[in-house]
Amino acid sequence: MPADDKLRTMADFCKTKCPVCTKARARGKGFLFWMVKLERRVCPYCRAYEQVYGKPAYK
């Protein structure tokens, strides 16, 4: 699997299947929202989301 395909797959997981990130984006506030703001520095899926979509994982 090429690196671009892997990056896109990881970003799609963050966008559609990650229970923390999807709820944080849907609500736009609260505990999960702040958790994703902190987690995005260490989570490879959040970083992939930011690279592919050009915006933070919590937006």
C-alpha atoms as a PDB file:
ATOM      1  CA  MET A   1       0.000   0.000   0.000  1.00  0.00           C
ATOM      2  CA  PRO A   2       1.549   3.338  -1.038  1.00  0.00           C
ATOM      3  CA  ALA A   3       2.037   5.991   1.602  1.00  0.00           C
ATOM      4  CA  ASP A   4      -0.646   8.256   0.115  1.00  0.00           C
ATOM      5  CA  ASP A   5      -3.249   5.484   0.216  1.00  0.00           C
ATOM      6  CA  LYS A   6      -2.362   4.666   3.806  1.00  0.00           C
ATOM      7  CA  LEU A   7      -2.571   8.324   4.796  1.00  0.00           C
ATOM      8  CA  ARG A   8      -5.971   8.670   3.112  1.00  0.00           C
ATOM      9  CA  THR A   9      -7.236   5.490   4.837  1.00  0.00           C
ATOM     10  CA  MET A  10      -6.116   6.763   8.225  1.00  0.00           C
ATOM     11  CA  ALA A  11      -7.729  10.162   7.598  1.00  0.00           C
ATOM     12  CA  ASP A  12     -10.995   8.517   6.528  1.00  0.00           C
ATOM     13  CA  PHE A  13     -11.016   6.458   9.733  1.00  0.00           C
ATOM     14  CA  CYS A  14     -10.660   9.640  11.765  1.00  0.00           C
ATOM     15  CA  LYS A  15     -13.398  11.336   9.757  1.00  0.00           C
ATOM     16  CA  THR A  16     -16.023   8.596   9.781  1.00  0.00           C
ATOM     17  CA  LYS A  17     -15.280   5.891  12.350  1.00  0.00           C
ATOM     18  CA  CYS A  18     -13.300   7.297  15.262  1.00  0.00           C
ATOM     19  CA  PRO A  19     -15.833   7.576  18.118  1.00  0.00           C
ATOM     20  CA  VAL A  20     -13.962  10.399  19.843  1.00  0.00           C
ATOM     21  CA  CYS A  21     -13.242  12.583  16.813  1.00  0.00           C
ATOM     22  CA  THR A  22     -16.652  12.205  15.162  1.00  0.00           C
ATOM     23  CA  LYS A  23     -18.488  13.199  18.347  1.00  0.00           C
ATOM     24  CA  ALA A  24     -16.106  16.106  18.952  1.00  0.00           C
ATOM     25  CA  ARG A  25     -16.724  17.438  15.434  1.00  0.00           C
ATOM     26  CA  ALA A  26     -20.485  16.926  15.694  1.00  0.00           C
ATOM     27  CA  ARG A  27     -20.885  18.784  18.987  1.00  0.00           C
ATOM     28  CA  GLY A  28     -18.120  21.364  18.601  1.00  0.00           C
ATOM     29  CA  LYS A  29     -17.776  21.755  22.357  1.00  0.00           C
ATOM     30  CA  GLY A  30     -17.412  19.806  25.555  1.00  0.00           C
ATOM     31  CA  PHE A  31     -14.969  17.285  26.984  1.00  0.00           C
ATOM     32  CA  LEU A  32     -14.367  15.275  23.788  1.00  0.00           C
ATOM     33  CA  PHE A  33     -13.747  18.468  21.812  1.00  0.00           C
ATOM     34  CA  TRP A  34     -10.980  19.508  24.201  1.00  0.00           C
ATOM     35  CA  MET A  35      -9.621  15.979  24.367  1.00  0.00           C
ATOM     36  CA  VAL A  36      -9.192  15.883  20.579  1.00  0.00           C
ATOM     37  CA  LYS A  37      -7.473  19.272  20.699  1.00  0.00           C
ATOM     38  CA  LEU A  38      -4.865  17.745  23.002  1.00  0.00           C
ATOM     39  CA  GLU A  39      -4.816  14.284  21.412  1.00  0.00           C
ATOM     40  CA  ARG A  40      -4.188  15.499  17.868  1.00  0.00           C
ATOM     41  CA  ARG A  41      -0.506  15.942  18.677  1.00  0.00           C
ATOM     42  CA  VAL A  42      -0.010  12.238  19.417  1.00  0.00           C
ATOM     43  CA  CYS A  43      -2.725  10.429  17.435  1.00  0.00           C
ATOM     44  CA  PRO A  44      -1.517   9.306  13.987  1.00  0.00           C
ATOM     45  CA  TYR A  45      -5.101   9.288  12.676  1.00  0.00           C
ATOM     46  CA  CYS A  46      -5.689  12.898  13.718  1.00  0.00           C
ATOM     47  CA  ARG A  47      -2.415  13.954  12.100  1.00  0.00           C
ATOM     48  CA  ALA A  48      -3.380  12.125   8.899  1.00  0.00           C
ATOM     49  CA  TYR A  49      -6.758  13.915   8.933  1.00  0.00           C
ATOM     50  CA  GLU A  50      -5.022  17.264   9.223  1.00  0.00           C
ATOM     51  CA  GLN A  51      -2.643  16.493   6.357  1.00  0.00           C
ATOM     52  CA  VAL A  52      -5.344  15.216   3.989  1.00  0.00           C
ATOM     53  CA  TYR A  53      -8.144  17.686   4.748  1.00  0.00           C
ATOM     54  CA  GLY A  54      -6.032  20.687   5.732  1.00  0.00           C
ATOM     55  CA  LYS A  55      -7.885  21.425   8.971  1.00  0.00           C
ATOM     56  CA  PRO A  56      -7.623  20.238  12.573  1.00  0.00           C
ATOM     57  CA  ALA A  57      -9.331  16.978  13.522  1.00  0.00           C
ATOM     58  CA  TYR A  58     -11.745  18.755  15.859  1.00  0.00           C
ATOM     59  CA  LYS A  59     -13.190  21.061  13.165  1.00  0.00           C
END
